Amino acid sequence: MGRRTAWWRARPGHGRTPVRARVAAAGAVLCVSVALTAGPASAADSSYAFAADARTVKGATGTTDATLLDPGRSYRSSLPKGAKLYYRLETDASTSAYVAVTAVPRGNGKLSVNDGIKVSVQNSQGNSCSYESANFGITGSPHPITAWGARTTSPRMPLCEGGGPYYVVVERADADGSTSGTWDLELATATEPRLGRTGATSAPTTWNSATPSPLTGEATTRQGGAGFARATSVQQGVWRAGISPGQTLFYKVPVDWGQQPSAVAELGSHDGGDSSGYAVGALQMTLYNPVRADVEDIEIGYDGSQNTASLAPVPPVAYANRYAPTDQVNGMRFAGWYYLAIHLSTAVADDFGAGPFGLTLRVRVTGAAQDGPGYAGQSVPQNVFGVTAQDRAAAGEGGSGGGGDAMRALAAGGIGAGTVVLVVLGVWTVVGRRRLRAS
């Protein structure tokens, strides 16, 4: 969220089982049970939820020691103030590679509007394949910000055509007066195969750009998740949640080829606090595509009365959108899970208290689903650039990634987490008794 700049033209430069062991194992199962039943973040939790399977890596200070990022994996790292770090991608000549870098500030250091991150992908000759930056917006409110990098085969990049090593460069855009220290990073990678046959090589020039009417009707409570990996799934509908100053809620909605998503976030009225106060950039909402590339964002102020943030219309999902020069169009380049990240600025607490504040999210998906462009291979992760029947079911159920999905898998098998604990404990008890009798 915040403001960003992108550059997508290649350019040079740049025995017996002890009782104690059984108790420890039982405790481990109980911990697993808690993890499985953990749902989306509560309104009082403003921390970022990293991917549960993320591997911790250290960014290198040069290309020679850059850690390899495997496709379809998530990684955790850190970015000190003033640092410039390198990571490595390896791909063949016909595969596009994407990496999204999410920065999460630690502590309560002061941030400026110009504080942020810069992400670029470079080839082994130092030529830039892509460049993007992201910052924290006008209020400097600490929250997760994401910038993405890419080495794509379509559109063709003359200086980044061949296979081999490419380097992801992540650096701070530190502003004068900033006191924010080390930031945590989450890096997520994906690859996209080439098409089976040649398609259009220019973006559509006409599409329905009329602003759709916001959905009406009773809202269903569905609290947002605390990160991309824990985003709460939603389908078309009206949803409500509680959001506190400094908190970011993540939602995801399946959008198929040929479909257009739209979203309206309404921050409800609030009677507490200073009725004459006003928070600039109070609510920020960003739309991200399936590889977490930001498509567009919007900020609104807040004076205690209800206010609404509406995303501008985006085109239907189409492969050829990648040839457009603007983020709002080229970001709509593939089907899959689209993410909505909604942040409430810490400044809101100064005039209106700690909340939580009422949030209503109105999501609409228009257009009939169409066939995909015909990839010649499989993406990594699998099916990331499409919408499956399981995705649609998940959107209806409202689960989140990680534990939520694992819990649904157990439920589908006719067994819940509590039953798992009882069964395992029962097995351990029987085994323990038999061993005691045999001794």
Protein backbone atom coordinates (compact mmCIF):
# COMPACT_ATOMS: atom_id res chain seq x y z
CA MET A 1 0.00 0.00 0.00
CA GLY A 2 1.10 3.59 -0.09
CA ARG A 3 2.47 4.98 -3.31
CA ARG A 4 4.59 3.04 -5.79
CA THR A 5 6.46 3.40 -9.03
CA ALA A 6 7.15 0.69 -11.57
CA TRP A 7 9.46 0.34 -14.54
CA TRP A 8 8.91 -2.59 -16.86
CA ARG A 9 11.27 -1.82 -19.72
CA ALA A 10 14.65 -3.54 -19.83
CA ARG A 11 17.41 -1.02 -19.45
CA PRO A 12 21.17 -1.30 -18.91
CA GLY A 13 22.59 -0.71 -15.41
CA HIS A 14 20.85 -0.96 -13.04
CA GLY A 15 13.06 -50.06 25.20
CA ARG A 16 10.30 -48.15 27.12
CA THR A 17 8.89 -44.88 26.22
CA PRO A 18 9.34 -42.59 29.25
CA VAL A 19 6.22 -40.94 30.64
CA ARG A 20 7.94 -37.58 30.22
CA ALA A 21 8.37 -38.22 26.49
CA ARG A 22 4.70 -39.18 26.12
CA VAL A 23 3.63 -36.01 27.92
CA ALA A 24 5.88 -33.91 25.70
CA ALA A 25 4.46 -35.56 22.61
CA ALA A 26 0.92 -35.00 23.86
CA GLY A 27 1.78 -31.35 24.37
CA ALA A 28 3.06 -31.19 20.82
CA VAL A 29 -0.22 -32.60 19.51
CA LEU A 30 -2.16 -30.09 21.57
CA CYS A 31 -0.04 -27.34 20.03
CA VAL A 32 -0.80 -28.72 16.58
CA SER A 33 -4.49 -28.72 17.47
CA VAL A 34 -4.29 -25.07 18.47
CA ALA A 35 -2.50 -24.25 15.25
CA LEU A 36 -5.12 -26.08 13.21
CA THR A 37 -8.00 -24.29 14.85
CA ALA A 38 -6.41 -20.87 14.71
CA GLY A 39 -8.51 -18.69 12.46
CA PRO A 40 -7.93 -15.27 10.94
CA ALA A 41 -6.39 -12.54 13.04
CA SER A 42 -8.64 -10.86 15.58
CA ALA A 43 -9.28 -7.15 15.44
CA ALA A 44 -6.84 -6.63 18.31
CA ASP A 45 -3.95 -8.38 16.54
CA SER A 46 -1.99 -6.10 14.20
CA SER A 47 1.00 -8.40 13.59
CA TYR A 48 1.81 -9.84 10.17
CA ALA A 49 1.30 -13.59 9.69
CA PHE A 50 4.14 -15.00 7.62
CA ALA A 51 3.68 -18.20 5.61
CA ALA A 52 3.92 -21.15 7.99
CA ASP A 53 6.29 -23.02 5.67
CA ALA A 54 8.54 -20.03 4.94
CA ARG A 55 12.26 -20.87 5.09
CA THR A 56 14.55 -18.33 6.72
CA VAL A 57 17.34 -17.08 4.46
CA LYS A 58 19.89 -14.31 4.67
CA GLY A 59 20.18 -11.73 1.96
CA ALA A 60 23.67 -11.40 0.52
CA THR A 61 25.51 -8.12 0.11
CA GLY A 62 26.56 -9.10 -3.42
CA THR A 63 25.59 -11.47 -6.21
CA THR A 64 28.34 -14.02 -5.56
CA ASP A 65 26.79 -15.33 -2.34
CA ALA A 66 23.14 -14.73 -3.27
CA THR A 67 20.78 -17.43 -1.92
CA LEU A 68 18.75 -19.34 -4.51
CA LEU A 69 14.98 -18.83 -4.27
CA ASP A 70 13.16 -21.91 -5.52
CA PRO A 71 9.92 -21.33 -7.47
CA GLY A 72 6.70 -21.73 -5.56
CA ARG A 73 8.32 -21.25 -2.17
CA SER A 74 8.05 -18.61 0.55
CA TYR A 75 11.03 -17.23 2.44
CA ARG A 76 11.66 -15.05 5.47
CA SER A 77 14.52 -12.61 5.64
CA SER A 78 15.36 -9.21 7.12
CA LEU A 79 16.39 -5.84 5.74
CA PRO A 80 18.48 -3.52 7.96
CA LYS A 81 18.33 0.23 7.58
CA GLY A 82 20.41 1.37 4.63
CA ALA A 83 20.89 -2.17 3.31
CA LYS A 84 20.93 -3.49 -0.24
CA LEU A 85 20.49 -7.28 -0.45
CA TYR A 86 20.71 -9.87 -3.21
CA TYR A 87 18.84 -13.14 -3.81
CA ARG A 88 19.05 -15.46 -6.85
CA LEU A 89 16.49 -16.83 -9.30
CA GLU A 90 17.20 -19.49 -11.93
CA THR A 91 14.93 -20.01 -14.91
CA ASP A 92 15.01 -21.24 -18.50
CA ALA A 93 14.50 -19.12 -21.57
CA SER A 94 10.78 -19.93 -21.96
CA THR A 95 9.56 -19.47 -18.38
CA SER A 96 8.56 -16.23 -16.66
CA ALA A 97 9.61 -15.82 -13.02
CA TYR A 98 7.96 -13.59 -10.42
CA VAL A 99 8.96 -12.61 -6.89
CA ALA A 100 6.98 -10.52 -4.42
CA VAL A 101 8.75 -8.89 -1.49
CA THR A 102 6.68 -7.82 1.53
CA ALA A 103 8.41 -5.58 4.08
CA VAL A 104 7.13 -5.43 7.67
CA PRO A 105 8.63 -2.76 9.99
CA ARG A 106 9.62 -3.83 13.48
CA GLY A 107 8.89 -1.77 16.58
CA ASN A 108 7.58 1.77 16.70
CA GLY A 109 10.24 3.68 14.81
CA LYS A 110 9.26 6.83 12.94
CA LEU A 111 8.47 6.40 9.25
CA SER A 112 8.29 9.03 6.55
CA VAL A 113 6.14 9.15 3.45
CA ASN A 114 9.29 8.38 1.43
CA ASP A 115 10.29 5.35 3.50
CA GLY A 116 9.85 2.09 1.63
CA ILE A 117 11.48 -0.63 -0.41
CA LYS A 118 12.83 -0.92 -3.93
CA VAL A 119 12.82 -4.26 -5.74
CA SER A 120 14.52 -5.00 -9.04
CA VAL A 121 15.43 -8.09 -11.05
CA GLN A 122 18.75 -8.01 -12.91
CA ASN A 123 20.55 -10.37 -15.23
CA SER A 124 24.16 -11.50 -14.81
CA GLN A 125 25.36 -8.51 -16.84
CA GLY A 126 23.70 -6.06 -14.46
CA ASN A 127 20.87 -5.12 -16.81
CA SER A 128 17.52 -4.45 -15.18
CA CYS A 129 14.56 -6.60 -16.17
CA SER A 130 12.08 -4.88 -13.84
CA TYR A 131 11.96 -2.28 -11.11
CA GLU A 132 9.28 -1.28 -8.57
CA SER A 133 9.14 0.63 -5.31
CA ALA A 134 6.55 0.86 -2.54
CA ASN A 135 6.26 3.17 0.46
CA PHE A 136 4.07 3.72 3.50
CA GLY A 137 1.87 6.55 2.30
CA ILE A 138 1.22 10.03 3.54
CA THR A 139 0.74 9.12 7.22
CA GLY A 140 3.84 6.95 7.57
CA SER A 141 1.72 4.38 9.42
CA PRO A 142 3.70 1.11 9.83
CA HIS A 143 2.14 -1.74 7.88
CA PRO A 144 3.14 -4.44 5.38
CA ILE A 145 4.11 -3.03 1.98
CA THR A 146 4.82 -5.12 -1.10
CA ALA A 147 6.81 -4.59 -4.28
CA TRP A 148 7.31 -7.19 -6.97
CA GLY A 149 9.91 -8.10 -9.53
CA ALA A 150 9.72 -10.13 -12.74
CA ARG A 151 11.72 -11.64 -15.53
CA THR A 152 9.11 -12.26 -18.22
CA THR A 153 9.21 -13.81 -21.66
CA SER A 154 6.04 -11.99 -22.66
CA PRO A 155 6.28 -9.11 -23.14
CA ARG A 156 9.73 -9.84 -24.47
CA MET A 157 12.68 -8.17 -22.77
CA PRO A 158 15.63 -8.06 -25.18
CA LEU A 159 18.23 -7.77 -22.42
CA CYS A 160 16.63 -10.47 -20.26
CA GLU A 161 15.77 -13.16 -22.80
CA GLY A 162 17.99 -16.10 -21.98
CA GLY A 163 17.84 -18.62 -19.19
CA GLY A 164 20.28 -18.78 -16.33
CA PRO A 165 20.74 -16.83 -13.10
CA TYR A 166 18.87 -13.63 -12.36
CA TYR A 167 19.25 -11.55 -9.21
CA VAL A 168 16.56 -10.05 -7.01
CA VAL A 169 17.83 -6.81 -5.50
CA VAL A 170 15.99 -5.52 -2.42
CA GLU A 171 16.94 -2.21 -0.87
CA ARG A 172 15.60 0.38 1.52
CA ALA A 173 14.35 3.74 0.38
CA ASP A 174 15.19 5.50 3.63
CA ALA A 175 14.03 9.05 4.21
CA ASP A 176 15.78 11.70 6.26
CA GLY A 177 14.60 11.67 9.86
CA SER A 178 13.43 8.05 9.76
CA THR A 179 14.20 6.11 12.95
CA SER A 180 12.79 2.77 11.81
CA GLY A 181 15.33 -0.04 12.23
CA THR A 182 15.44 -3.51 10.70
CA TRP A 183 12.40 -4.70 8.75
CA ASP A 184 11.24 -8.29 8.32
CA LEU A 185 10.77 -9.58 4.78
CA GLU A 186 8.58 -12.22 3.18
CA LEU A 187 9.58 -13.29 -0.33
CA ALA A 188 7.18 -15.38 -2.44
CA THR A 189 8.11 -16.81 -5.83
CA ALA A 190 6.18 -18.24 -8.78
CA THR A 191 6.84 -19.25 -12.37
CA GLU A 192 4.59 -19.06 -15.42
CA PRO A 193 5.06 -21.30 -18.47
CA ARG A 194 4.95 -20.07 -22.03
CA LEU A 195 1.80 -20.33 -24.13
CA GLY A 196 1.14 -23.37 -26.29
CA ARG A 197 0.45 -21.11 -29.24
CA THR A 198 0.97 -17.46 -30.05
CA GLY A 199 -1.76 -15.11 -28.87
CA ALA A 200 -2.43 -11.40 -28.98
CA THR A 201 0.62 -9.20 -28.47
CA SER A 202 -1.16 -5.98 -27.53
CA ALA A 203 -3.51 -5.12 -24.67
CA PRO A 204 -7.24 -4.78 -25.36
CA THR A 205 -8.11 -1.19 -26.18
CA THR A 206 -11.75 -1.35 -25.11
CA TRP A 207 -13.42 -2.88 -22.08
CA ASN A 208 -16.25 -2.08 -19.70
CA SER A 209 -14.78 0.71 -17.59
CA ALA A 210 -18.06 1.77 -15.97
CA THR A 211 -17.99 1.85 -12.18
CA PRO A 212 -20.26 -0.95 -10.93
CA SER A 213 -22.85 -0.18 -8.29
CA PRO A 214 -21.76 -1.36 -4.82
CA LEU A 215 -23.51 -4.47 -3.60
CA THR A 216 -26.27 -4.02 -1.05
CA GLY A 217 -27.82 -6.38 1.48
CA GLU A 218 -27.03 -7.74 4.90
CA ALA A 219 -23.35 -8.15 5.68
CA THR A 220 -21.85 -11.45 6.83
CA THR A 221 -19.14 -11.30 9.47
CA ARG A 222 -15.83 -12.48 8.07
CA GLN A 223 -12.71 -11.21 9.82
CA GLY A 224 -9.71 -10.65 7.58
CA GLY A 225 -6.44 -12.50 7.92
CA ALA A 226 -3.10 -11.03 8.98
CA GLY A 227 -1.05 -11.74 5.84
CA PHE A 228 -1.12 -13.01 2.27
CA ALA A 229 -0.65 -16.61 3.41
CA ARG A 230 -3.50 -16.24 5.94
CA ALA A 231 -5.82 -14.13 3.82
CA THR A 232 -9.51 -14.85 4.42
CA SER A 233 -11.26 -16.11 1.29
CA VAL A 234 -14.43 -14.39 0.14
CA GLN A 235 -16.67 -14.50 -2.89
CA GLN A 236 -19.01 -11.86 -4.26
CA GLY A 237 -20.95 -10.48 -1.32
CA VAL A 238 -21.07 -8.03 1.57
CA TRP A 239 -18.71 -8.72 4.47
CA ARG A 240 -18.05 -6.99 7.77
CA ALA A 241 -15.19 -7.02 10.24
CA GLY A 242 -13.57 -5.03 13.00
CA ILE A 243 -10.32 -3.19 12.33
CA SER A 244 -8.08 -1.37 14.80
CA PRO A 245 -5.61 1.47 14.13
CA GLY A 246 -2.34 0.01 12.86
CA GLN A 247 -3.98 -3.20 11.67
CA THR A 248 -3.98 -4.61 8.14
CA LEU A 249 -6.63 -7.14 7.07
CA PHE A 250 -6.07 -9.44 4.10
CA TYR A 251 -8.83 -10.98 1.97
CA LYS A 252 -8.64 -13.01 -1.24
CA VAL A 253 -11.24 -13.57 -3.95
CA PRO A 254 -11.06 -15.99 -6.90
CA VAL A 255 -11.19 -14.19 -10.26
CA ASP A 256 -11.24 -16.27 -13.43
CA TRP A 257 -10.23 -15.44 -16.98
CA GLY A 258 -12.62 -12.87 -18.42
CA GLN A 259 -13.86 -11.65 -15.05
CA GLN A 260 -13.62 -8.21 -13.42
CA PRO A 261 -13.30 -7.73 -9.66
CA SER A 262 -14.39 -4.60 -7.83
CA ALA A 263 -14.31 -3.68 -4.16
CA VAL A 264 -15.65 -0.97 -1.87
CA ALA A 265 -14.47 -0.62 1.74
CA GLU A 266 -16.61 1.43 4.11
CA LEU A 267 -15.21 2.64 7.42
CA GLY A 268 -18.16 3.03 9.76
CA SER A 269 -19.04 6.06 11.87
CA HIS A 270 -17.59 6.33 15.36
CA ASP A 271 -18.97 8.30 18.32
CA GLY A 272 -15.91 8.21 20.58
CA GLY A 273 -12.93 10.55 20.58
CA ASP A 274 -12.56 14.07 19.29
CA SER A 275 -15.47 14.85 16.99
CA SER A 276 -13.46 17.69 15.40
CA GLY A 277 -10.48 15.52 14.51
CA TYR A 278 -9.46 14.37 11.06
CA ALA A 279 -7.05 11.63 10.01
CA VAL A 280 -5.46 12.00 6.58
CA GLY A 281 -5.01 8.75 4.67
CA ALA A 282 -6.87 6.90 7.40
CA LEU A 283 -7.97 3.88 5.39
CA GLN A 284 -5.89 2.38 2.59
CA MET A 285 -7.00 -0.45 0.31
CA THR A 286 -4.80 -2.22 -2.25
CA LEU A 287 -5.68 -4.80 -4.87
CA TYR A 288 -2.95 -7.39 -5.59
CA ASN A 289 -2.92 -10.02 -8.31
CA PRO A 290 -2.07 -13.75 -7.83
CA VAL A 291 1.71 -13.08 -7.66
CA ARG A 292 1.09 -10.23 -5.19
CA ALA A 293 1.79 -7.52 -7.73
CA ASP A 294 -0.14 -4.39 -6.84
CA VAL A 295 -2.79 -3.49 -9.36
CA GLU A 296 -4.11 -0.32 -7.74
CA ASP A 297 -4.69 1.33 -4.38
CA ILE A 298 -6.72 4.09 -2.76
CA GLU A 299 -6.58 6.16 0.44
CA ILE A 300 -9.36 8.07 2.20
CA GLY A 301 -9.48 10.37 5.23
CA TYR A 302 -11.67 9.98 8.31
CA ASP A 303 -13.44 12.49 10.57
CA GLY A 304 -15.51 10.07 12.64
CA SER A 305 -18.30 9.89 10.07
CA GLN A 306 -18.58 6.96 7.71
CA ASN A 307 -16.45 7.16 4.58
CA THR A 308 -15.96 4.88 1.59
CA ALA A 309 -12.93 3.80 -0.45
CA SER A 310 -13.79 2.47 -3.91
CA LEU A 311 -11.27 0.93 -6.26
CA ALA A 312 -11.32 2.25 -9.81
CA PRO A 313 -12.62 -0.18 -12.47
CA VAL A 314 -10.09 -2.70 -13.77
CA PRO A 315 -10.32 -4.64 -17.04
CA PRO A 316 -11.38 -8.29 -17.31
CA VAL A 317 -8.56 -10.73 -16.66
CA ALA A 318 -6.74 -11.43 -19.93
CA TYR A 319 -3.28 -12.67 -20.83
CA ALA A 320 -2.73 -9.78 -23.24
CA ASN A 321 -3.22 -7.18 -20.47
CA ARG A 322 0.48 -7.59 -19.70
CA TYR A 323 1.29 -5.51 -22.74
CA ALA A 324 -0.39 -2.40 -21.29
CA PRO A 325 1.80 0.37 -19.83
CA THR A 326 -0.23 0.96 -16.65
CA ASP A 327 -0.38 -1.14 -13.47
CA GLN A 328 -4.17 -0.99 -13.44
CA VAL A 329 -4.28 -2.94 -16.71
CA ASN A 330 -1.08 -5.00 -16.92
CA GLY A 331 -1.59 -6.30 -13.40
CA MET A 332 -4.77 -8.06 -14.59
CA ARG A 333 -2.67 -10.50 -16.61
CA PHE A 334 -3.75 -13.83 -15.12
CA ALA A 335 -6.57 -15.57 -13.28
CA GLY A 336 -6.35 -16.85 -9.72
CA TRP A 337 -6.66 -15.47 -6.20
CA TYR A 338 -6.71 -11.67 -6.09
CA TYR A 339 -5.91 -10.10 -2.74
CA LEU A 340 -7.38 -7.10 -0.94
CA ALA A 341 -5.22 -5.57 1.79
CA ILE A 342 -6.98 -3.00 3.99
CA HIS A 343 -4.98 -0.90 6.46
CA LEU A 344 -6.25 1.48 9.14
CA SER A 345 -3.67 4.12 9.99
CA THR A 346 -2.28 4.46 13.50
CA ALA A 347 -3.18 8.16 13.27
CA VAL A 348 -6.86 7.28 13.67
CA ALA A 349 -6.22 6.39 17.32
CA ASP A 350 -5.04 9.94 18.09
CA ASP A 351 -8.48 11.45 17.56
CA PHE A 352 -10.90 8.55 17.70
CA GLY A 353 -9.48 5.99 20.11
CA ALA A 354 -8.20 2.45 19.84
CA GLY A 355 -11.30 0.97 18.24
CA PRO A 356 -11.98 -1.51 16.80
CA PHE A 357 -13.86 0.31 14.06
CA GLY A 358 -16.56 -1.19 11.89
CA LEU A 359 -15.48 -2.15 8.38
CA THR A 360 -17.84 -3.20 5.57
CA LEU A 361 -16.34 -4.76 2.45
CA ARG A 362 -18.47 -5.03 -0.69
CA VAL A 363 -16.96 -7.37 -3.29
CA ARG A 364 -18.32 -7.88 -6.78
CA VAL A 365 -17.04 -10.14 -9.57
CA THR A 366 -18.64 -9.56 -12.97
CA GLY A 367 -18.37 -11.42 -16.26
CA ALA A 368 -18.57 -15.06 -17.24
CA ALA A 369 -15.54 -17.25 -16.70
CA GLN A 370 -13.65 -18.05 -19.90
CA ASP A 371 -11.07 -20.59 -20.95
CA GLY A 372 -7.46 -19.76 -20.19
CA PRO A 373 -4.88 -18.81 -22.82
CA GLY A 374 -3.51 -22.36 -23.16
CA TYR A 375 -0.25 -22.73 -21.28
CA ALA A 376 2.30 -25.20 -22.62
CA GLY A 377 3.18 -26.40 -19.13
CA GLN A 378 2.29 -26.10 -15.46
CA SER A 379 2.83 -23.12 -13.23
CA VAL A 380 4.70 -23.33 -9.93
CA PRO A 381 2.86 -23.41 -7.55
CA GLN A 382 0.43 -25.58 -9.47
CA ASN A 383 -2.81 -23.93 -10.66
CA VAL A 384 -1.78 -20.53 -9.31
CA PHE A 385 -2.93 -18.92 -12.58
CA GLY A 386 -6.45 -20.30 -12.63
CA VAL A 387 -9.55 -20.85 -10.53
CA THR A 388 -10.47 -24.38 -9.47
CA ALA A 389 -13.68 -25.80 -8.03
CA GLN A 390 -11.84 -26.06 -4.70
CA ASP A 391 -11.04 -22.35 -4.86
CA ARG A 392 -14.69 -21.47 -5.35
CA ALA A 393 -15.71 -23.74 -2.49
CA ALA A 394 -13.09 -22.15 -0.23
CA ALA A 395 -14.36 -18.68 -1.08
CA GLY A 396 -17.85 -19.71 -0.04
CA GLU A 397 -16.69 -21.26 3.22
CA GLY A 398 -14.51 -18.32 4.19
CA GLY A 399 -11.39 -20.17 5.30
CA SER A 400 -7.86 -18.85 5.32
CA GLY A 401 -4.58 -20.37 4.27
CA GLY A 402 -2.56 -22.71 6.49
CA GLY A 403 -4.43 -23.93 9.55
CA GLY A 404 -7.87 -23.10 8.21
CA ASP A 405 -7.37 -25.30 5.16
CA ALA A 406 -5.85 -28.08 7.25
CA MET A 407 -8.82 -27.94 9.58
CA ARG A 408 -11.26 -28.27 6.70
CA ALA A 409 -9.29 -31.29 5.42
CA LEU A 410 -9.71 -33.00 8.78
CA ALA A 411 -13.39 -32.14 8.87
CA ALA A 412 -13.88 -33.55 5.37
CA GLY A 413 -12.49 -36.84 6.64
CA GLY A 414 -15.06 -36.92 9.42
CA ILE A 415 -12.62 -36.12 12.22
CA GLY A 416 -11.96 -32.88 14.07
CA ALA A 417 -8.89 -31.56 15.83
CA GLY A 418 -10.29 -32.40 19.26
CA THR A 419 -10.95 -35.96 18.14
CA VAL A 420 -7.41 -36.18 16.78
CA VAL A 421 -6.02 -35.25 20.19
CA LEU A 422 -8.25 -37.76 22.02
CA VAL A 423 -7.43 -40.58 19.59
CA VAL A 424 -3.68 -39.98 19.78
CA LEU A 425 -3.70 -39.68 23.56
CA GLY A 426 -5.74 -42.88 23.74
CA VAL A 427 -3.24 -44.72 21.57
CA TRP A 428 -0.33 -43.51 23.71
CA THR A 429 -2.15 -44.62 26.88
CA VAL A 430 -2.75 -48.15 25.52
CA VAL A 431 0.83 -48.46 24.28
CA GLY A 432 2.18 -47.25 27.62
CA ARG A 433 0.10 -49.75 29.59
CA ARG A 434 1.13 -52.66 27.37
CA ARG A 435 4.80 -51.78 27.75
CA LEU A 436 4.45 -51.52 31.52
CA ARG A 437 2.82 -55.00 31.65
CA ALA A 438 5.58 -56.42 29.46
CA SER A 439 8.35 -55.01 31.67
